[in-house]
Amino acid sequence: MRVLLVEDFPPLARSVGQGLQETGFAVDLAVDGAQALDSVQTVPYDAVVLDVMLPKLDGLTVLRRLRQKGSDVPVLLLTARDQLEDKLTGLDAGADDYLVKPFAFAELVARLRALVRRRYGQRNNVIRVGELAIDTAARSVTRRAQPIALSAREYAVLEYLACRRGQIVTRGDIWEHVYDFATEPSSNVVDVYIGYLRKKVDQGFAQKMIHTHRGLGYSLA
């Protein structure tokens, strides 16, 4: 899943961004509120990690403007303020969750995953599609209880298809939710990874789960 990290303190931005990438997120970085506002209006992020204290536009102003423009992207606020009044202000501005600095990175990841699950109507860590089970916390996949070894990119594509299970997902949608700005675009990279997934998820099974809809995209069903 693709997230926007909005943080102007370089050491924290580097460490959190790298950590999120290592846990399977595609991550874009914004270093001020104006850049964050532009990014969210351009890219369909699955979630935003938003610092409150930012140059140009503070986090609460960014959040209020996003909600005024109708954006429903899940937002996790980061702040050094731990007073109840500050938390209520953030939540009333439209935040979905709130985390006080300093924080445990594992808690940030857990809260972020919970926001993404709710965005796609998923209540628990395990997404089940027929015989397939995808554990989004462990980032593991099984079919008929047999483990399927996937690369990080293969897993990311499959997880997104699973979140959109039963729906036709275009190549553009997959690209926008799985890859970040640092990734060089390629005309057939999505098709290549779909091919890899077919070999690992469907090969040897009579029932195929990854479907091609010619001229439209793919679905997992």
C-alpha atoms as a PDB file:
ATOM      1  CA  MET A   1       0.000   0.000   0.000  1.00  0.00           C
ATOM      2  CA  ARG A   2       1.130   3.516  -0.769  1.00  0.00           C
ATOM      3  CA  VAL A   3       1.457   6.104   1.996  1.00  0.00           C
ATOM      4  CA  LEU A   4       2.534   9.720   2.181  1.00  0.00           C
ATOM      5  CA  LEU A   5       4.895  10.582   5.044  1.00  0.00           C
ATOM      6  CA  VAL A   6       4.807  14.298   5.894  1.00  0.00           C
ATOM      7  CA  GLU A   7       7.751  15.117   8.161  1.00  0.00           C
ATOM      8  CA  ASP A   8      10.203  18.018   8.007  1.00  0.00           C
ATOM      9  CA  PHE A   9      12.844  16.666  10.432  1.00  0.00           C
ATOM     10  CA  PRO A  10      15.270  14.791   8.124  1.00  0.00           C
ATOM     11  CA  PRO A  11      16.542  12.121  10.567  1.00  0.00           C
ATOM     12  CA  LEU A  12      13.004  11.119  11.561  1.00  0.00           C
ATOM     13  CA  ALA A  13      11.774  11.250   7.963  1.00  0.00           C
ATOM     14  CA  ARG A  14      14.627   8.953   6.857  1.00  0.00           C
ATOM     15  CA  SER A  15      14.213   6.439   9.658  1.00  0.00           C
ATOM     16  CA  VAL A  16      10.416   6.236   9.488  1.00  0.00           C
ATOM     17  CA  GLY A  17      10.386   6.200   5.695  1.00  0.00           C
ATOM     18  CA  GLN A  18      12.955   3.412   5.498  1.00  0.00           C
ATOM     19  CA  GLY A  19      11.168   1.440   8.196  1.00  0.00           C
ATOM     20  CA  LEU A  20       7.832   1.693   6.403  1.00  0.00           C
ATOM     21  CA  GLN A  21       9.420   0.561   3.153  1.00  0.00           C
ATOM     22  CA  GLU A  22      10.973  -2.422   4.919  1.00  0.00           C
ATOM     23  CA  THR A  23       7.549  -3.411   6.262  1.00  0.00           C
ATOM     24  CA  GLY A  24       6.084  -3.395   2.760  1.00  0.00           C
ATOM     25  CA  PHE A  25       4.705   0.112   2.203  1.00  0.00           C
ATOM     26  CA  ALA A  26       5.439   2.229  -0.851  1.00  0.00           C
ATOM     27  CA  VAL A  27       6.398   5.598   0.654  1.00  0.00           C
ATOM     28  CA  ASP A  28       6.472   9.146  -0.706  1.00  0.00           C
ATOM     29  CA  LEU A  29       7.871  11.999   1.394  1.00  0.00           C
ATOM     30  CA  ALA A  30       6.638  15.575   1.777  1.00  0.00           C
ATOM     31  CA  VAL A  31       8.637  18.042   3.878  1.00  0.00           C
ATOM     32  CA  ASP A  32       6.102  20.843   4.295  1.00  0.00           C
ATOM     33  CA  GLY A  33       2.363  21.336   4.419  1.00  0.00           C
ATOM     34  CA  ALA A  34       2.008  22.858   0.967  1.00  0.00           C
ATOM     35  CA  GLN A  35       3.824  19.924  -0.643  1.00  0.00           C
ATOM     36  CA  ALA A  36       1.660  17.495   1.329  1.00  0.00           C
ATOM     37  CA  LEU A  37      -1.545  19.157   0.160  1.00  0.00           C
ATOM     38  CA  ASP A  38      -0.420  19.021  -3.477  1.00  0.00           C
ATOM     39  CA  SER A  39       0.649  15.370  -3.182  1.00  0.00           C
ATOM     40  CA  VAL A  40      -2.618  14.141  -1.670  1.00  0.00           C
ATOM     41  CA  GLN A  41      -4.599  15.932  -4.353  1.00  0.00           C
ATOM     42  CA  THR A  42      -2.492  14.233  -7.034  1.00  0.00           C
ATOM     43  CA  VAL A  43      -2.035  10.656  -5.784  1.00  0.00           C
ATOM     44  CA  PRO A  44      -4.703   8.286  -4.349  1.00  0.00           C
ATOM     45  CA  TYR A  45      -2.802   7.383  -1.173  1.00  0.00           C
ATOM     46  CA  ASP A  46      -4.015   4.589   1.065  1.00  0.00           C
ATOM     47  CA  ALA A  47      -3.014   6.605   4.145  1.00  0.00           C
ATOM     48  CA  VAL A  48      -1.120   9.731   5.232  1.00  0.00           C
ATOM     49  CA  VAL A  49       1.235  10.040   8.208  1.00  0.00           C
ATOM     50  CA  LEU A  50       1.065  13.756   8.983  1.00  0.00           C
ATOM     51  CA  ASP A  51       3.215  15.713  11.419  1.00  0.00           C
ATOM     52  CA  VAL A  52       1.417  18.606  13.073  1.00  0.00           C
ATOM     53  CA  MET A  53       4.344  21.046  13.215  1.00  0.00           C
ATOM     54  CA  LEU A  54       5.316  21.782   9.600  1.00  0.00           C
ATOM     55  CA  PRO A  55       6.654  24.748   7.617  1.00  0.00           C
ATOM     56  CA  LYS A  56       4.437  26.704   5.181  1.00  0.00           C
ATOM     57  CA  LEU A  57       1.196  25.023   6.336  1.00  0.00           C
ATOM     58  CA  ASP A  58       0.870  23.227   9.654  1.00  0.00           C
ATOM     59  CA  GLY A  59      -0.557  19.727   9.759  1.00  0.00           C
ATOM     60  CA  LEU A  60      -3.947  20.718  11.146  1.00  0.00           C
ATOM     61  CA  THR A  61      -4.426  23.276   8.366  1.00  0.00           C
ATOM     62  CA  VAL A  62      -3.487  20.651   5.775  1.00  0.00           C
ATOM     63  CA  LEU A  63      -5.937  18.221   7.335  1.00  0.00           C
ATOM     64  CA  ARG A  64      -8.816  20.714   7.443  1.00  0.00           C
ATOM     65  CA  ARG A  65      -8.254  21.705   3.811  1.00  0.00           C
ATOM     66  CA  LEU A  66      -8.196  18.083   2.708  1.00  0.00           C
ATOM     67  CA  ARG A  67     -11.491  17.379   4.449  1.00  0.00           C
ATOM     68  CA  GLN A  68     -13.027  20.582   3.074  1.00  0.00           C
ATOM     69  CA  LYS A  69     -12.086  19.406  -0.426  1.00  0.00           C
ATOM     70  CA  GLY A  70     -13.816  16.079   0.208  1.00  0.00           C
ATOM     71  CA  SER A  71     -10.728  13.880   0.642  1.00  0.00           C
ATOM     72  CA  ASP A  72     -11.424  10.818   2.779  1.00  0.00           C
ATOM     73  CA  VAL A  73      -7.828   9.519   2.843  1.00  0.00           C
ATOM     74  CA  PRO A  74      -7.038   8.075   6.306  1.00  0.00           C
ATOM     75  CA  VAL A  75      -4.753  10.422   8.249  1.00  0.00           C
ATOM     76  CA  LEU A  76      -2.564   9.515  11.219  1.00  0.00           C
ATOM     77  CA  LEU A  77      -1.373  12.630  13.033  1.00  0.00           C
ATOM     78  CA  LEU A  78       2.088  12.747  14.620  1.00  0.00           C
ATOM     79  CA  THR A  79       2.678  15.347  17.318  1.00  0.00           C
ATOM     80  CA  ALA A  80       4.790  16.109  20.363  1.00  0.00           C
ATOM     81  CA  ARG A  81       1.709  17.432  22.155  1.00  0.00           C
ATOM     82  CA  ASP A  82       0.125  14.898  24.481  1.00  0.00           C
ATOM     83  CA  GLN A  83      -2.604  16.966  26.112  1.00  0.00           C
ATOM     84  CA  LEU A  84      -6.168  15.726  25.704  1.00  0.00           C
ATOM     85  CA  GLU A  85      -7.253  19.071  24.236  1.00  0.00           C
ATOM     86  CA  ASP A  86      -4.623  18.758  21.485  1.00  0.00           C
ATOM     87  CA  LYS A  87      -5.770  15.236  20.645  1.00  0.00           C
ATOM     88  CA  LEU A  88      -9.392  16.321  20.479  1.00  0.00           C
ATOM     89  CA  THR A  89      -8.454  19.244  18.224  1.00  0.00           C
ATOM     90  CA  GLY A  90      -6.719  16.870  15.825  1.00  0.00           C
ATOM     91  CA  LEU A  91      -9.564  14.380  15.788  1.00  0.00           C
ATOM     92  CA  ASP A  92     -12.151  17.137  15.330  1.00  0.00           C
ATOM     93  CA  ALA A  93     -10.129  18.447  12.383  1.00  0.00           C
ATOM     94  CA  GLY A  94     -10.636  15.115  10.645  1.00  0.00           C
ATOM     95  CA  ALA A  95      -7.787  12.888  11.799  1.00  0.00           C
ATOM     96  CA  ASP A  96      -8.465   9.151  11.919  1.00  0.00           C
ATOM     97  CA  ASP A  97      -5.815   8.431  14.536  1.00  0.00           C
ATOM     98  CA  TYR A  98      -3.260  10.226  16.689  1.00  0.00           C
ATOM     99  CA  LEU A  99       0.236   9.226  17.832  1.00  0.00           C
ATOM    100  CA  VAL A 100       2.419  11.186  20.259  1.00  0.00           C
ATOM    101  CA  LYS A 101       6.176  11.539  19.774  1.00  0.00           C
ATOM    102  CA  PRO A 102       8.346   9.781  20.736  1.00  0.00           C
ATOM    103  CA  PHE A 103       6.549   6.644  19.596  1.00  0.00           C
ATOM    104  CA  ALA A 104       7.377   2.984  19.091  1.00  0.00           C
ATOM    105  CA  PHE A 105       7.773   2.280  15.393  1.00  0.00           C
ATOM    106  CA  ALA A 106       5.876  -1.011  15.740  1.00  0.00           C
ATOM    107  CA  GLU A 107       2.884   0.914  17.077  1.00  0.00           C
ATOM    108  CA  LEU A 108       2.997   3.311  14.114  1.00  0.00           C
ATOM    109  CA  VAL A 109       2.974   0.378  11.697  1.00  0.00           C
ATOM    110  CA  ALA A 110       0.119  -1.356  13.535  1.00  0.00           C
ATOM    111  CA  ARG A 111      -2.005   1.804  13.578  1.00  0.00           C
ATOM    112  CA  LEU A 112      -1.255   2.483   9.914  1.00  0.00           C
ATOM    113  CA  ARG A 113      -2.247  -1.036   8.905  1.00  0.00           C
ATOM    114  CA  ALA A 114      -5.457  -0.696  10.897  1.00  0.00           C
ATOM    115  CA  LEU A 115      -6.319   2.511   9.023  1.00  0.00           C
ATOM    116  CA  VAL A 116      -5.689   0.849   5.660  1.00  0.00           C
ATOM    117  CA  ARG A 117      -7.778  -2.200   6.642  1.00  0.00           C
ATOM    118  CA  ARG A 118     -10.707   0.004   7.594  1.00  0.00           C
ATOM    119  CA  ARG A 119     -10.385   1.903   4.326  1.00  0.00           C
ATOM    120  CA  TYR A 120     -10.999  -1.346   2.464  1.00  0.00           C
ATOM    121  CA  GLY A 121     -13.673  -2.674   4.840  1.00  0.00           C
ATOM    122  CA  GLN A 122     -11.374  -5.289   6.389  1.00  0.00           C
ATOM    123  CA  ARG A 123     -11.768  -5.831  10.127  1.00  0.00           C
ATOM    124  CA  ASN A 124      -8.869  -8.172  10.897  1.00  0.00           C
ATOM    125  CA  ASN A 125      -5.339  -8.911   9.733  1.00  0.00           C
ATOM    126  CA  VAL A 126      -6.239 -11.892   7.565  1.00  0.00           C
ATOM    127  CA  ILE A 127      -7.912 -11.371   4.189  1.00  0.00           C
ATOM    128  CA  ARG A 128      -9.565 -14.539   2.896  1.00  0.00           C
ATOM    129  CA  VAL A 129     -10.432 -15.022  -0.755  1.00  0.00           C
ATOM    130  CA  GLY A 130     -11.671 -18.553  -1.308  1.00  0.00           C
ATOM    131  CA  GLU A 131      -8.799 -20.925  -0.488  1.00  0.00           C
ATOM    132  CA  LEU A 132      -6.354 -18.049  -0.214  1.00  0.00           C
ATOM    133  CA  ALA A 133      -5.414 -16.433   3.120  1.00  0.00           C
ATOM    134  CA  ILE A 134      -3.324 -13.270   3.253  1.00  0.00           C
ATOM    135  CA  ASP A 135      -1.999 -12.238   6.675  1.00  0.00           C
ATOM    136  CA  THR A 136      -1.310  -8.509   6.365  1.00  0.00           C
ATOM    137  CA  ALA A 137       0.521  -8.340   9.708  1.00  0.00           C
ATOM    138  CA  ALA A 138       2.889 -11.234   9.030  1.00  0.00           C
ATOM    139  CA  ARG A 139       2.891 -10.484   5.273  1.00  0.00           C
ATOM    140  CA  SER A 140       2.431 -14.171   4.599  1.00  0.00           C
ATOM    141  CA  VAL A 141       0.220 -16.011   2.105  1.00  0.00           C
ATOM    142  CA  THR A 142      -1.219 -19.522   2.175  1.00  0.00           C
ATOM    143  CA  ARG A 143      -3.516 -21.509  -0.112  1.00  0.00           C
ATOM    144  CA  ARG A 144      -5.201 -24.560   1.387  1.00  0.00           C
ATOM    145  CA  ALA A 145      -2.951 -23.913   4.396  1.00  0.00           C
ATOM    146  CA  GLN A 146       0.171 -24.358   2.241  1.00  0.00           C
ATOM    147  CA  PRO A 147       2.597 -21.406   2.407  1.00  0.00           C
ATOM    148  CA  ILE A 148       3.331 -19.457  -0.769  1.00  0.00           C
ATOM    149  CA  ALA A 149       6.692 -17.674  -0.879  1.00  0.00           C
ATOM    150  CA  LEU A 150       6.425 -14.239  -2.479  1.00  0.00           C
ATOM    151  CA  SER A 151       8.852 -11.400  -3.058  1.00  0.00           C
ATOM    152  CA  ALA A 152       8.050  -8.045  -1.442  1.00  0.00           C
ATOM    153  CA  ARG A 153       6.690  -6.650  -4.703  1.00  0.00           C
ATOM    154  CA  GLU A 154       4.666  -9.781  -5.489  1.00  0.00           C
ATOM    155  CA  TYR A 155       3.128  -9.628  -2.030  1.00  0.00           C
ATOM    156  CA  ALA A 156       2.282  -5.921  -2.419  1.00  0.00           C
ATOM    157  CA  VAL A 157       0.450  -6.524  -5.701  1.00  0.00           C
ATOM    158  CA  LEU A 158      -1.444  -9.510  -4.284  1.00  0.00           C
ATOM    159  CA  GLU A 159      -2.398  -7.645  -1.098  1.00  0.00           C
ATOM    160  CA  TYR A 160      -3.858  -4.780  -3.122  1.00  0.00           C
ATOM    161  CA  LEU A 161      -5.830  -7.171  -5.321  1.00  0.00           C
ATOM    162  CA  ALA A 162      -7.084  -8.903  -2.170  1.00  0.00           C
ATOM    163  CA  CYS A 163      -8.221  -5.617  -0.649  1.00  0.00           C
ATOM    164  CA  ARG A 164     -10.155  -4.996  -3.871  1.00  0.00           C
ATOM    165  CA  ARG A 165     -11.286  -8.637  -4.145  1.00  0.00           C
ATOM    166  CA  GLY A 166     -14.078  -9.269  -6.603  1.00  0.00           C
ATOM    167  CA  GLN A 167     -13.455  -5.944  -8.357  1.00  0.00           C
ATOM    168  CA  ILE A 168     -11.685  -5.268 -11.634  1.00  0.00           C
ATOM    169  CA  VAL A 169      -8.500  -3.346 -10.870  1.00  0.00           C
ATOM    170  CA  THR A 170      -6.757  -1.475 -13.670  1.00  0.00           C
ATOM    171  CA  ARG A 171      -3.008  -1.543 -14.254  1.00  0.00           C
ATOM    172  CA  GLY A 172      -2.958   2.156 -13.365  1.00  0.00           C
ATOM    173  CA  ASP A 173      -4.652   1.490 -10.030  1.00  0.00           C
ATOM    174  CA  ILE A 174      -2.122  -1.196  -9.150  1.00  0.00           C
ATOM    175  CA  TRP A 175       0.766   1.064 -10.095  1.00  0.00           C
ATOM    176  CA  GLU A 176      -0.556   4.016  -8.080  1.00  0.00           C
ATOM    177  CA  HIS A 177      -1.087   1.963  -4.919  1.00  0.00           C
ATOM    178  CA  VAL A 178       1.988  -0.279  -4.995  1.00  0.00           C
ATOM    179  CA  TYR A 179       4.775   1.908  -6.391  1.00  0.00           C
ATOM    180  CA  ASP A 180       6.173   5.222  -5.141  1.00  0.00           C
ATOM    181  CA  PHE A 181       7.633   8.231  -6.957  1.00  0.00           C
ATOM    182  CA  ALA A 182      11.162   6.809  -6.678  1.00  0.00           C
ATOM    183  CA  THR A 183      10.229   3.808  -8.844  1.00  0.00           C
ATOM    184  CA  GLU A 184      10.997   4.105 -12.535  1.00  0.00           C
ATOM    185  CA  PRO A 185       7.801   3.463 -14.530  1.00  0.00           C
ATOM    186  CA  SER A 186       7.690   0.610 -17.017  1.00  0.00           C
ATOM    187  CA  SER A 187       4.901  -0.140 -19.455  1.00  0.00           C
ATOM    188  CA  ASN A 188       4.621  -3.839 -18.611  1.00  0.00           C
ATOM    189  CA  VAL A 189       5.897  -4.147 -15.040  1.00  0.00           C
ATOM    190  CA  VAL A 190       2.412  -4.797 -13.621  1.00  0.00           C
ATOM    191  CA  ASP A 191       1.765  -7.523 -16.204  1.00  0.00           C
ATOM    192  CA  VAL A 192       5.106  -9.118 -15.336  1.00  0.00           C
ATOM    193  CA  TYR A 193       4.251  -9.325 -11.634  1.00  0.00           C
ATOM    194  CA  ILE A 194       0.780 -10.631 -12.359  1.00  0.00           C
ATOM    195  CA  GLY A 195       2.510 -13.386 -14.330  1.00  0.00           C
ATOM    196  CA  TYR A 196       4.772 -14.176 -11.381  1.00  0.00           C
ATOM    197  CA  LEU A 197       1.760 -14.344  -9.074  1.00  0.00           C
ATOM    198  CA  ARG A 198      -0.148 -16.669 -11.380  1.00  0.00           C
ATOM    199  CA  LYS A 199       2.724 -19.156 -11.276  1.00  0.00           C
ATOM    200  CA  LYS A 200       2.826 -19.088  -7.483  1.00  0.00           C
ATOM    201  CA  VAL A 201      -0.847 -18.713  -6.556  1.00  0.00           C
ATOM    202  CA  ASP A 202      -2.687 -20.586  -9.322  1.00  0.00           C
ATOM    203  CA  GLN A 203      -0.266 -23.098 -10.802  1.00  0.00           C
ATOM    204  CA  GLY A 204      -1.246 -26.644  -9.856  1.00  0.00           C
ATOM    205  CA  PHE A 205      -4.789 -25.696  -8.849  1.00  0.00           C
ATOM    206  CA  ALA A 206      -7.868 -26.379 -10.952  1.00  0.00           C
ATOM    207  CA  GLN A 207      -9.587 -23.208  -9.757  1.00  0.00           C
ATOM    208  CA  LYS A 208      -7.819 -20.051 -10.927  1.00  0.00           C
ATOM    209  CA  MET A 209      -8.029 -17.007  -8.684  1.00  0.00           C
ATOM    210  CA  ILE A 210      -6.219 -14.309 -10.666  1.00  0.00           C
ATOM    211  CA  HIS A 211      -8.323 -13.259 -13.641  1.00  0.00           C
ATOM    212  CA  THR A 212      -7.530 -11.068 -16.641  1.00  0.00           C
ATOM    213  CA  HIS A 213     -10.239  -8.785 -17.977  1.00  0.00           C
ATOM    214  CA  ARG A 214      -8.937  -7.874 -21.408  1.00  0.00           C
ATOM    215  CA  GLY A 215      -8.648  -4.163 -21.928  1.00  0.00           C
ATOM    216  CA  LEU A 216      -9.740  -3.477 -18.333  1.00  0.00           C
ATOM    217  CA  GLY A 217      -7.377  -5.012 -15.789  1.00  0.00           C
ATOM    218  CA  TYR A 218      -7.241  -7.839 -13.271  1.00  0.00           C
ATOM    219  CA  SER A 219      -9.261  -9.251 -10.422  1.00  0.00           C
ATOM    220  CA  LEU A 220      -8.781 -11.683  -7.543  1.00  0.00           C
ATOM    221  CA  ALA A 221     -11.844 -13.809  -7.006  1.00  0.00           C
END
